N, C-alpha and C. Protein backbone atom coordinates (compact mmCIF):
# COMPACT_ATOMS: atom_id res chain seq x y z
N MET A 1 1.09 -1.24 0.02
CA MET A 1 0.05 0.14 -0.18
C MET A 1 0.94 1.08 0.31
N THR A 2 0.38 2.12 -0.61
CA THR A 2 1.67 3.36 -1.03
C THR A 2 1.45 4.56 0.55
N THR A 3 1.94 5.30 0.86
CA THR A 3 1.65 6.48 1.63
C THR A 3 0.33 7.12 0.94
N GLU A 4 0.29 7.69 0.04
CA GLU A 4 -0.64 7.81 -0.38
C GLU A 4 -2.12 7.61 -0.21
N ARG A 5 -2.03 6.34 -0.76
CA ARG A 5 -3.16 4.91 -0.68
C ARG A 5 -3.51 5.13 1.13
N ALA A 6 -2.46 4.76 1.94
CA ALA A 6 -2.98 4.80 3.54
C ALA A 6 -3.51 6.04 3.98
N GLN A 7 -2.99 7.37 3.34
CA GLN A 7 -3.86 8.49 4.07
C GLN A 7 -5.29 8.90 3.77
N ALA A 8 -5.07 8.61 2.09
CA ALA A 8 -6.38 8.67 1.76
C ALA A 8 -7.16 7.57 2.45
N LEU A 9 -6.98 6.48 2.69
CA LEU A 9 -8.09 5.51 3.44
C LEU A 9 -8.25 6.07 5.22
N ALA A 10 -7.03 6.73 5.32
CA ALA A 10 -7.53 7.07 6.85
C ALA A 10 -8.09 8.52 6.99
N ASP A 11 -8.40 8.98 5.50
CA ASP A 11 -9.12 10.26 5.79
C ASP A 11 -10.70 10.32 5.97
N SER A 12 -10.88 9.36 4.88
CA SER A 12 -12.37 8.67 4.55
C SER A 12 -13.03 7.98 5.73
N ALA A 13 -11.76 7.62 6.51
CA ALA A 13 -12.73 6.84 7.51
C ALA A 13 -12.89 7.45 8.87
N PHE A 14 -11.56 8.60 8.99
CA PHE A 14 -11.78 9.06 10.38
C PHE A 14 -12.81 11.03 9.71
N PRO A 15 -13.47 11.65 10.90
CA PRO A 15 -13.86 12.61 10.71
C PRO A 15 -12.95 13.62 11.01
N TYR A 16 -13.25 14.85 10.21
CA TYR A 16 -11.92 15.56 9.81
C TYR A 16 -11.75 16.62 11.03
N VAL A 17 -11.01 16.56 12.20
CA VAL A 17 -11.02 17.73 13.22
C VAL A 17 -9.73 18.45 13.11
N ASP A 18 -9.96 19.46 13.17
CA ASP A 18 -9.09 20.30 12.79
C ASP A 18 -9.03 21.60 14.32
N ALA A 19 -8.10 21.86 15.20
CA ALA A 19 -7.92 22.13 16.17
C ALA A 19 -7.54 23.78 16.05
N THR A 20 -7.52 24.16 14.98
CA THR A 20 -7.61 25.88 14.62
C THR A 20 -9.07 26.00 13.95
N LYS A 21 -10.03 25.41 13.97
CA LYS A 21 -11.36 25.36 13.05
C LYS A 21 -12.15 25.72 14.40
N GLN A 22 -12.18 25.01 15.42
CA GLN A 22 -12.94 24.35 16.70
C GLN A 22 -12.27 24.62 17.92
N GLU A 23 -13.15 24.94 18.94
CA GLU A 23 -12.84 25.00 20.33
C GLU A 23 -12.39 23.62 20.91
N CYS A 24 -13.01 22.94 20.59
CA CYS A 24 -12.89 21.45 21.06
C CYS A 24 -13.51 20.14 20.11
N ILE A 25 -13.67 18.78 20.36
CA ILE A 25 -14.06 18.11 19.66
C ILE A 25 -15.53 18.30 20.23
N THR A 26 -16.58 17.83 18.69
CA THR A 26 -17.86 18.05 18.70
C THR A 26 -18.44 16.62 19.75
N ASP A 27 -19.67 17.01 19.65
CA ASP A 27 -20.34 15.36 20.06
C ASP A 27 -20.12 14.48 19.29
N GLU A 28 -20.22 14.86 18.18
CA GLU A 28 -20.58 14.03 17.08
C GLU A 28 -18.52 13.40 17.45
N GLN A 29 -17.68 13.82 17.12
CA GLN A 29 -16.30 13.44 17.18
C GLN A 29 -16.39 12.85 18.58
N ALA A 30 -16.90 13.20 19.50
CA ALA A 30 -16.65 12.35 21.14
C ALA A 30 -17.18 11.04 20.67
N GLN A 31 -18.34 10.96 20.04
CA GLN A 31 -19.22 9.68 19.72
C GLN A 31 -18.39 8.76 18.91
N PHE A 32 -17.83 9.02 17.90
CA PHE A 32 -16.65 8.73 17.19
C PHE A 32 -15.71 8.00 17.72
N PHE A 33 -15.00 8.94 18.71
CA PHE A 33 -14.08 8.22 19.41
C PHE A 33 -14.57 7.05 20.46
N ARG A 34 -15.75 7.39 20.83
CA ARG A 34 -16.16 6.34 21.74
C ARG A 34 -16.51 4.67 21.21
N ASP A 35 -16.92 5.30 19.87
CA ASP A 35 -17.37 3.94 19.07
C ASP A 35 -16.02 3.51 18.31
N ASN A 36 -14.80 4.11 18.02
CA ASN A 36 -13.93 3.22 17.58
C ASN A 36 -12.76 3.51 18.32
N GLY A 37 -12.64 4.55 19.80
CA GLY A 37 -10.97 4.15 20.23
C GLY A 37 -10.39 5.00 19.50
N LEU A 38 -10.43 5.29 18.24
CA LEU A 38 -9.31 6.42 18.13
C LEU A 38 -10.16 7.64 17.28
N LEU A 39 -9.24 9.25 17.18
CA LEU A 39 -10.06 9.92 16.68
C LEU A 39 -8.53 10.98 16.61
N VAL A 40 -8.06 11.50 15.12
CA VAL A 40 -7.10 12.27 15.00
C VAL A 40 -7.54 13.74 14.90
N VAL A 41 -6.62 14.08 15.39
CA VAL A 41 -6.81 15.99 15.57
C VAL A 41 -5.63 16.57 14.80
N ARG A 42 -6.15 17.13 13.86
CA ARG A 42 -4.70 17.50 13.09
C ARG A 42 -4.29 19.46 13.60
N ASN A 43 -3.46 19.63 13.49
CA ASN A 43 -3.11 20.94 13.95
C ASN A 43 -2.73 21.65 15.16
N PHE A 44 -2.96 20.31 16.12
CA PHE A 44 -3.21 20.88 17.76
C PHE A 44 -1.85 21.72 17.81
N LEU A 45 -1.20 21.12 17.36
CA LEU A 45 0.25 22.05 17.76
C LEU A 45 1.21 22.87 16.72
N GLN A 46 1.16 24.06 16.56
CA GLN A 46 2.22 24.32 15.33
C GLN A 46 2.89 25.71 15.99
N GLY A 47 3.71 26.05 14.72
CA GLY A 47 4.33 27.44 15.48
C GLY A 47 5.28 26.98 16.46
N ASP A 48 5.32 27.81 17.14
CA ASP A 48 6.17 27.99 18.53
C ASP A 48 6.16 26.93 19.40
N GLU A 49 4.63 26.63 19.66
CA GLU A 49 4.51 25.49 20.60
C GLU A 49 4.79 24.31 19.99
N LEU A 50 5.04 24.18 18.85
CA LEU A 50 5.53 22.74 18.00
C LEU A 50 7.29 22.47 18.30
N ARG A 51 7.52 23.66 17.77
CA ARG A 51 8.97 23.89 17.82
C ARG A 51 9.51 23.97 19.45
N ALA A 52 8.72 24.57 20.28
CA ALA A 52 9.03 24.39 21.82
C ALA A 52 9.21 22.68 22.27
N MET A 53 8.02 21.97 21.95
CA MET A 53 7.82 20.77 21.95
C MET A 53 9.05 19.67 21.25
N GLN A 54 9.23 20.24 19.95
CA GLN A 54 10.34 19.16 19.54
C GLN A 54 11.84 19.25 19.78
N GLU A 55 12.24 20.77 20.34
CA GLU A 55 13.50 21.19 20.74
C GLU A 55 13.47 20.50 22.05
N GLN A 56 12.54 20.62 22.83
CA GLN A 56 13.10 19.97 24.33
C GLN A 56 12.88 18.34 24.40
N THR A 57 12.28 18.08 23.69
CA THR A 57 11.66 16.50 23.44
C THR A 57 13.29 15.94 22.67
N GLY A 58 13.84 16.73 22.13
CA GLY A 58 15.15 16.21 21.07
C GLY A 58 16.05 16.12 21.93
N VAL A 59 16.28 17.14 23.25
CA VAL A 59 17.19 16.98 23.84
C VAL A 59 17.12 15.70 25.17
N LEU A 60 15.88 15.32 25.40
CA LEU A 60 15.84 13.83 26.08
C LEU A 60 16.32 13.07 24.73
N ILE A 61 16.01 13.14 23.93
CA ILE A 61 16.27 11.89 22.69
C ILE A 61 17.99 12.25 22.71
N GLU A 62 18.36 13.24 22.72
CA GLU A 62 20.03 13.27 22.57
C GLU A 62 20.76 12.77 23.94
N LEU A 63 19.93 12.81 25.31
CA LEU A 63 20.17 12.31 26.47
C LEU A 63 20.10 10.86 26.45
N ALA A 64 19.30 10.19 26.01
CA ALA A 64 19.05 8.83 25.39
C ALA A 64 19.72 8.14 24.72
N GLU A 65 20.38 8.74 24.00
CA GLU A 65 21.60 8.61 23.24
C GLU A 65 22.84 8.40 23.77
N GLU A 66 23.01 9.53 24.42
CA GLU A 66 24.31 9.68 25.01
C GLU A 66 24.30 8.18 26.28
N GLY A 67 23.29 7.92 26.29
CA GLY A 67 23.44 6.63 27.33
C GLY A 67 24.09 5.52 26.72
N LEU A 68 23.73 5.35 25.17
CA LEU A 68 24.43 4.17 24.87
C LEU A 68 25.83 4.09 24.94
N GLU A 69 26.93 5.51 24.89
CA GLU A 69 27.88 5.41 25.16
C GLU A 69 28.53 4.99 26.60
N LEU A 70 27.24 4.66 27.41
CA LEU A 70 27.42 4.07 29.02
C LEU A 70 26.63 3.13 29.14
N PRO A 71 27.20 2.18 28.97
CA PRO A 71 26.46 0.52 29.17
C PRO A 71 26.00 0.81 30.59
N GLU A 72 26.49 1.39 31.82
CA GLU A 72 26.03 1.78 32.97
C GLU A 72 24.84 2.09 33.28
N PHE A 73 24.55 2.76 31.94
CA PHE A 73 23.46 3.94 32.35
C PHE A 73 21.84 3.10 32.48
N THR A 74 21.44 3.44 33.61
CA THR A 74 19.95 2.84 33.94
C THR A 74 19.37 3.61 34.62
N HIS A 75 19.09 5.18 33.98
CA HIS A 75 18.25 5.90 34.84
C HIS A 75 17.04 5.52 34.31
N PRO A 76 15.63 5.49 35.55
CA PRO A 76 14.95 4.53 35.51
C PRO A 76 14.04 5.12 34.36
N ASP A 77 13.86 6.39 33.90
CA ASP A 77 12.96 7.11 32.83
C ASP A 77 13.27 6.57 31.59
N PHE A 78 14.64 6.14 31.34
CA PHE A 78 15.07 5.74 30.20
C PHE A 78 15.15 4.56 30.15
N PHE A 79 14.54 4.15 28.49
CA PHE A 79 14.47 2.69 28.07
C PHE A 79 14.77 2.13 26.64
N TYR A 80 15.83 0.92 26.75
CA TYR A 80 16.21 1.09 25.82
C TYR A 80 15.91 -0.73 25.52
N GLN A 81 16.09 -1.08 24.42
CA GLN A 81 16.35 -2.82 24.14
C GLN A 81 16.68 -2.92 22.61
N PRO A 82 16.79 -4.12 22.71
CA PRO A 82 17.91 -4.70 21.38
C PRO A 82 16.94 -4.69 20.19
N HIS A 83 18.01 -3.98 19.39
CA HIS A 83 16.99 -3.43 17.91
C HIS A 83 16.61 -4.99 16.83
N GLN A 84 15.17 -5.33 16.26
CA GLN A 84 15.17 -6.30 16.19
C GLN A 84 16.02 -7.15 15.24
N LEU A 85 16.61 -5.89 13.87
CA LEU A 85 17.77 -6.44 13.51
C LEU A 85 19.11 -6.94 13.66
N THR A 86 19.58 -5.89 14.28
CA THR A 86 20.87 -5.74 14.39
C THR A 86 21.30 -6.19 15.89
N GLY A 87 20.52 -6.02 17.05
CA GLY A 87 20.43 -6.28 18.26
C GLY A 87 21.50 -5.30 19.14
N GLU A 88 21.60 -4.00 18.46
CA GLU A 88 22.36 -3.26 18.82
C GLU A 88 21.29 -2.67 20.50
N ARG A 89 21.96 -1.95 21.28
CA ARG A 89 21.00 -1.58 22.09
C ARG A 89 20.34 -0.08 21.74
N THR A 90 18.93 -0.05 21.73
CA THR A 90 18.25 0.90 21.58
C THR A 90 17.70 2.08 22.08
N PRO A 91 17.48 3.23 22.53
CA PRO A 91 16.60 3.68 22.64
C PRO A 91 15.43 3.93 22.34
N PHE A 92 14.36 4.27 23.04
CA PHE A 92 13.18 4.16 22.29
C PHE A 92 11.97 4.84 23.42
N ARG A 93 12.29 5.32 24.79
CA ARG A 93 10.99 5.67 25.31
C ARG A 93 11.49 6.10 26.86
N VAL A 94 11.04 7.33 26.67
CA VAL A 94 11.12 8.20 27.94
C VAL A 94 10.36 8.48 28.89
N GLU A 95 10.47 8.46 30.20
CA GLU A 95 8.93 8.51 31.19
C GLU A 95 9.08 10.05 31.53
N TYR A 96 7.87 10.40 32.21
CA TYR A 96 7.61 11.96 32.63
C TYR A 96 8.17 13.02 31.96
N VAL A 97 7.89 12.85 30.95
CA VAL A 97 8.00 14.30 29.75
C VAL A 97 7.78 15.30 30.32
N ILE A 98 6.58 15.57 31.22
CA ILE A 98 5.84 16.86 31.40
C ILE A 98 6.97 17.50 32.23
N ALA A 99 7.01 16.51 33.31
CA ALA A 99 7.94 17.14 34.18
C ALA A 99 9.24 17.76 34.11
N LYS A 100 10.10 16.91 32.61
CA LYS A 100 11.14 17.24 32.45
C LYS A 100 11.55 18.42 31.28
N THR A 101 10.27 18.99 30.65
CA THR A 101 9.82 19.93 29.73
C THR A 101 8.95 21.06 30.52
N GLU A 102 9.39 22.30 29.76
CA GLU A 102 8.51 23.09 30.29
C GLU A 102 7.18 23.25 28.78
N ALA A 103 7.58 22.96 27.86
CA ALA A 103 6.50 22.52 26.69
C ALA A 103 5.79 21.78 27.31
N GLY A 104 6.03 20.69 27.80
CA GLY A 104 5.24 19.56 28.20
C GLY A 104 4.00 20.15 29.51
N LYS A 105 4.81 20.88 30.09
CA LYS A 105 3.74 21.47 31.37
C LYS A 105 2.62 22.32 30.71
N SER A 106 3.06 22.75 29.85
CA SER A 106 2.49 24.02 29.34
C SER A 106 0.94 23.43 28.51
N LEU A 107 0.76 21.87 28.12
CA LEU A 107 0.35 20.98 27.55
C LEU A 107 -0.87 20.95 28.71
N LEU A 108 -0.64 20.91 29.94
CA LEU A 108 -2.06 19.91 30.87
C LEU A 108 -3.03 21.54 30.91
N GLY A 109 -2.55 22.82 30.47
CA GLY A 109 -3.86 23.85 30.41
C GLY A 109 -3.86 24.42 28.99
N HIS A 110 -3.60 23.63 27.84
CA HIS A 110 -4.07 23.82 26.36
C HIS A 110 -5.90 23.71 26.59
N PRO A 111 -6.25 24.60 26.05
CA PRO A 111 -7.79 25.07 26.12
C PRO A 111 -8.92 23.75 25.18
N PHE A 112 -8.22 23.89 24.13
CA PHE A 112 -8.50 22.44 23.03
C PHE A 112 -8.40 21.34 24.12
N LEU A 113 -7.15 20.64 24.57
CA LEU A 113 -6.88 19.39 25.06
C LEU A 113 -8.11 19.29 26.38
N LEU A 114 -8.10 20.28 27.41
CA LEU A 114 -8.62 20.69 28.35
C LEU A 114 -10.17 20.01 28.19
N LYS A 115 -10.83 20.93 27.21
CA LYS A 115 -12.42 21.22 26.77
C LYS A 115 -12.75 19.52 26.10
N SER A 116 -11.77 19.21 25.55
CA SER A 116 -12.39 17.70 24.58
C SER A 116 -12.07 16.74 25.74
N VAL A 117 -11.15 16.82 26.58
CA VAL A 117 -11.25 15.44 27.73
C VAL A 117 -12.29 15.74 28.17
N GLU A 118 -12.76 16.71 28.61
CA GLU A 118 -14.04 17.13 29.47
C GLU A 118 -15.34 16.65 28.60
N LYS A 119 -15.49 16.77 27.56
CA LYS A 119 -16.46 16.15 26.68
C LYS A 119 -16.44 14.51 26.78
N LEU A 120 -15.07 13.98 26.90
CA LEU A 120 -15.40 12.60 26.72
C LEU A 120 -15.32 12.29 28.68
N GLN A 121 -14.85 12.63 29.52
CA GLN A 121 -14.77 12.93 30.89
C GLN A 121 -15.70 12.94 31.79
N GLY A 122 -16.10 14.13 31.62
CA GLY A 122 -16.96 14.84 32.66
C GLY A 122 -15.70 16.11 33.13
N LYS A 123 -16.36 16.85 33.94
CA LYS A 123 -15.13 18.16 34.75
C LYS A 123 -14.51 17.63 35.51
N ASN A 124 -14.46 16.62 36.07
CA ASN A 124 -13.64 16.00 37.18
C ASN A 124 -12.60 14.42 36.34
N PHE A 125 -11.60 14.97 36.24
CA PHE A 125 -10.41 13.72 35.56
C PHE A 125 -9.08 13.52 36.04
N ILE A 126 -8.45 12.61 36.06
CA ILE A 126 -6.77 12.65 36.62
C ILE A 126 -5.72 12.22 35.05
N PRO A 127 -4.90 13.08 35.05
CA PRO A 127 -3.83 12.81 34.23
C PRO A 127 -2.80 11.99 34.92
N THR A 128 -3.09 10.66 34.51
CA THR A 128 -2.18 9.58 35.15
C THR A 128 -0.56 9.35 34.71
N TRP A 129 -0.14 9.68 33.79
CA TRP A 129 1.04 8.88 33.24
C TRP A 129 1.35 10.01 32.02
N ASP A 130 2.24 9.91 31.95
CA ASP A 130 2.87 10.30 30.47
C ASP A 130 4.19 10.03 29.96
N SER A 131 4.66 9.61 28.75
CA SER A 131 5.72 9.01 28.32
C SER A 131 5.96 9.57 26.89
N MET A 132 7.21 9.49 26.19
CA MET A 132 7.75 9.66 24.85
C MET A 132 8.17 8.57 24.51
N VAL A 133 7.45 8.02 23.49
CA VAL A 133 8.27 6.86 22.26
C VAL A 133 8.78 7.31 21.41
N PHE A 134 9.75 7.15 20.72
CA PHE A 134 10.57 7.53 19.69
C PHE A 134 10.98 6.75 19.04
N LYS A 135 11.49 6.84 17.38
CA LYS A 135 12.32 5.73 16.68
C LYS A 135 13.35 6.91 15.92
N ARG A 136 14.30 6.51 16.32
CA ARG A 136 15.69 7.18 15.48
C ARG A 136 15.60 7.05 13.97
N ALA A 137 15.91 7.56 13.01
CA ALA A 137 15.93 7.66 11.49
C ALA A 137 16.91 6.16 11.27
N GLY A 138 16.07 5.21 10.39
CA GLY A 138 16.55 3.67 10.27
C GLY A 138 17.07 2.94 11.49
N LEU A 139 17.20 3.54 12.62
CA LEU A 139 17.31 2.61 13.83
C LEU A 139 16.27 2.59 14.87
N GLY A 140 14.83 2.65 14.38
CA GLY A 140 14.05 2.57 15.33
C GLY A 140 13.50 1.22 16.18
N ALA A 141 13.46 1.17 17.31
CA ALA A 141 12.91 -0.24 17.85
C ALA A 141 11.98 -0.55 17.58
N ALA A 142 11.59 -1.78 17.12
CA ALA A 142 10.03 -2.25 17.07
C ALA A 142 9.36 -2.36 18.26
N ILE A 143 7.89 -1.70 18.02
CA ILE A 143 7.18 -1.86 18.78
C ILE A 143 5.71 -2.69 18.90
N PRO A 144 5.94 -3.78 19.64
CA PRO A 144 5.13 -4.72 19.08
C PRO A 144 3.27 -4.38 19.39
N TRP A 145 2.43 -4.92 18.69
CA TRP A 145 0.90 -4.54 18.85
C TRP A 145 0.80 -4.51 20.32
N HIS A 146 0.08 -3.65 21.04
CA HIS A 146 -0.28 -3.77 22.66
C HIS A 146 -1.72 -3.27 22.49
N ARG A 147 -2.34 -3.40 23.40
CA ARG A 147 -3.55 -2.27 24.19
C ARG A 147 -3.42 -1.60 25.24
N ASP A 148 -3.65 -0.18 24.78
CA ASP A 148 -2.84 1.05 25.68
C ASP A 148 -4.04 1.07 26.51
N ALA A 149 -3.85 2.13 27.37
CA ALA A 149 -4.73 2.98 28.49
C ALA A 149 -5.25 1.64 29.45
N GLY A 150 -4.93 0.75 29.79
CA GLY A 150 -5.48 -0.17 30.93
C GLY A 150 -7.17 -0.38 30.60
N THR A 151 -7.30 -1.08 29.52
CA THR A 151 -8.62 -1.02 29.13
C THR A 151 -8.97 -2.41 29.43
N ASP A 152 -8.37 -3.59 29.71
CA ASP A 152 -8.58 -4.36 30.58
C ASP A 152 -8.81 -4.29 31.75
N PHE A 153 -8.60 -3.38 32.35
CA PHE A 153 -9.36 -3.14 33.78
C PHE A 153 -10.31 -2.62 34.19
N THR A 154 -10.99 -1.97 33.08
CA THR A 154 -12.33 -1.32 32.73
C THR A 154 -13.32 -1.52 31.88
N GLN A 155 -14.63 -1.84 32.12
CA GLN A 155 -15.60 -1.96 31.44
C GLN A 155 -16.36 -1.00 31.78
N GLU A 156 -16.26 0.34 32.08
CA GLU A 156 -16.84 1.54 32.31
C GLU A 156 -16.88 1.98 30.98
N GLU A 157 -18.27 2.81 30.75
CA GLU A 157 -18.29 2.91 29.00
C GLU A 157 -18.75 4.46 29.31
N THR A 158 -18.76 5.20 30.70
CA THR A 158 -19.37 6.51 31.32
C THR A 158 -17.78 7.28 31.06
N TYR A 159 -16.93 6.55 31.53
CA TYR A 159 -15.62 7.89 32.14
C TYR A 159 -14.63 6.65 31.42
N PRO A 160 -14.15 6.76 30.13
CA PRO A 160 -13.25 5.59 30.17
C PRO A 160 -11.54 6.30 30.31
N ILE A 161 -11.02 5.12 30.37
CA ILE A 161 -9.51 5.22 30.07
C ILE A 161 -9.07 5.35 28.92
N PHE A 162 -8.29 6.66 28.51
CA PHE A 162 -7.82 6.33 27.27
C PHE A 162 -6.23 7.42 27.16
N ASN A 163 -5.95 7.28 26.51
CA ASN A 163 -4.62 8.35 26.23
C ASN A 163 -4.77 9.14 25.30
N VAL A 164 -4.32 10.29 25.78
CA VAL A 164 -3.91 11.27 24.05
C VAL A 164 -2.61 11.68 23.79
N ASP A 165 -2.40 11.36 22.56
CA ASP A 165 -0.45 11.05 22.35
C ASP A 165 -0.37 12.54 21.24
N PHE A 166 0.55 12.71 21.51
CA PHE A 166 1.35 14.05 20.18
C PHE A 166 1.85 13.63 19.04
N TYR A 167 1.85 13.86 17.91
CA TYR A 167 3.07 13.49 17.13
C TYR A 167 4.00 14.87 16.40
N LEU A 168 5.30 14.59 16.93
CA LEU A 168 5.58 15.91 16.26
C LEU A 168 6.55 15.93 15.41
N ASP A 169 6.50 15.11 14.60
CA ASP A 169 7.08 14.90 13.72
C ASP A 169 6.57 13.95 12.17
N SER A 170 7.08 14.35 11.23
CA SER A 170 6.37 13.35 9.71
C SER A 170 6.96 11.82 9.85
N ALA A 171 5.71 10.65 9.66
CA ALA A 171 5.94 9.52 9.62
C ALA A 171 5.74 8.97 8.16
N ASP A 172 6.20 7.42 8.46
CA ASP A 172 5.61 6.66 6.55
C ASP A 172 5.37 5.45 7.52
N LEU A 173 4.85 4.72 6.53
CA LEU A 173 4.49 3.31 6.71
C LEU A 173 5.18 2.78 7.25
N SER A 174 6.77 2.81 7.96
CA SER A 174 7.89 2.28 8.16
C SER A 174 7.82 2.66 9.68
N ASN A 175 6.95 3.95 10.29
CA ASN A 175 7.04 4.15 11.70
C ASN A 175 6.25 4.70 12.08
N CYS A 176 4.91 4.58 11.69
CA CYS A 176 3.89 5.63 11.93
C CYS A 176 2.88 4.82 13.15
N LEU A 177 1.99 5.44 13.33
CA LEU A 177 1.02 4.62 14.47
C LEU A 177 0.32 3.75 13.53
N TRP A 178 -0.09 2.42 13.78
CA TRP A 178 -1.39 1.75 13.50
C TRP A 178 -2.20 1.51 14.99
N GLY A 179 -3.56 1.39 14.08
CA GLY A 179 -4.54 1.03 14.87
C GLY A 179 -5.64 0.36 14.75
N ILE A 180 -6.44 -0.34 15.22
CA ILE A 180 -7.38 -1.14 14.99
C ILE A 180 -8.92 -0.55 15.52
N PRO A 181 -9.48 0.50 14.80
CA PRO A 181 -11.13 0.75 14.87
C PRO A 181 -11.49 -0.19 15.39
N GLY A 182 -12.40 0.14 16.53
CA GLY A 182 -13.11 -0.77 17.47
C GLY A 182 -12.99 -1.44 18.11
N SER A 183 -11.54 -1.62 18.05
CA SER A 183 -10.83 -2.67 19.15
C SER A 183 -10.95 -2.24 20.99
N ASN A 184 -11.31 -1.06 21.01
CA ASN A 184 -11.60 -0.52 22.43
C ASN A 184 -12.79 -1.17 22.84
N LYS A 185 -13.56 -2.07 22.02
CA LYS A 185 -15.09 -2.87 22.50
C LYS A 185 -14.52 -3.95 22.67
N TRP A 186 -13.19 -4.61 22.17
CA TRP A 186 -13.21 -5.90 22.23
C TRP A 186 -12.93 -6.59 23.72
N ALA A 187 -13.20 -7.81 24.19
CA ALA A 187 -13.10 -8.11 25.53
C ALA A 187 -11.72 -8.68 25.58
N PRO A 188 -10.71 -8.52 26.71
CA PRO A 188 -9.27 -8.89 27.10
C PRO A 188 -9.09 -10.05 26.47
N ALA A 189 -9.73 -11.21 26.45
CA ALA A 189 -9.11 -12.89 25.57
C ALA A 189 -9.60 -12.38 24.36
N GLU A 190 -9.90 -11.60 23.56
CA GLU A 190 -10.10 -11.50 21.96
C GLU A 190 -9.00 -10.35 22.01
N ALA A 191 -9.08 -9.23 22.57
CA ALA A 191 -7.50 -8.29 22.18
C ALA A 191 -6.19 -8.73 22.27
N GLN A 192 -6.23 -10.01 23.41
CA GLN A 192 -4.86 -10.68 23.34
C GLN A 192 -4.83 -11.51 22.13
N GLN A 193 -5.84 -12.27 21.71
CA GLN A 193 -5.54 -13.24 20.64
C GLN A 193 -5.55 -12.12 19.41
N LYS A 194 -6.29 -11.35 18.97
CA LYS A 194 -5.43 -10.49 18.12
C LYS A 194 -3.60 -10.14 18.12
N ILE A 195 -3.76 -9.78 19.27
CA ILE A 195 -2.37 -9.09 19.69
C ILE A 195 -1.31 -10.16 19.51
N ASN A 196 -1.85 -11.37 19.83
CA ASN A 196 -0.98 -12.90 19.61
C ASN A 196 -0.70 -13.21 17.86
N GLU A 197 -1.75 -12.65 17.31
CA GLU A 197 -1.72 -13.15 15.68
C GLU A 197 -1.06 -11.82 15.19
N LEU A 198 -1.07 -10.91 15.60
CA LEU A 198 -0.08 -9.74 14.98
C LEU A 198 1.32 -9.79 15.45
N ASN A 199 1.50 -10.14 16.42
CA ASN A 199 2.88 -9.93 16.59
C ASN A 199 3.75 -11.48 16.35
């Protein structure tokens, strides 16, 4: 499948949400998310906000790469794994980015984000975790299929557990995020069976 074809399929399957043209997601878009477990919001970060996030998270990636030169580097917030093809130790994840970046902290008060989460969760909600997963050009660690957000632990329809992800750079079919619309409704056993097949 070409990148253009994949993009066309995604564009036709998802409602078009542009953060520059609306204050938050609409009721219909919120329902699409509840039904499918996925929603793409375009243009959420741009200009100075986007540059600040890219620069500040870039510093964390550089620190992770410097850790490659120090085999004893075992900071609990920096994660490594062997590359699928080369076996080389490869950085792929940094925990608690909000605490490590001013740009991350500013997202906690972003009006579009707060209003959209409120539409899904109501006025009282708790952000519980933040992580950055990244792939270095040509050297990205493989991320196996998995189920995010602890959906195995709740059947609560009214106040779902979910992730809000930010994608800061361009991606193609070799390093983009893949998802299965509707898999948020699967029972744990069904989800695990599909994960086992895909991996």
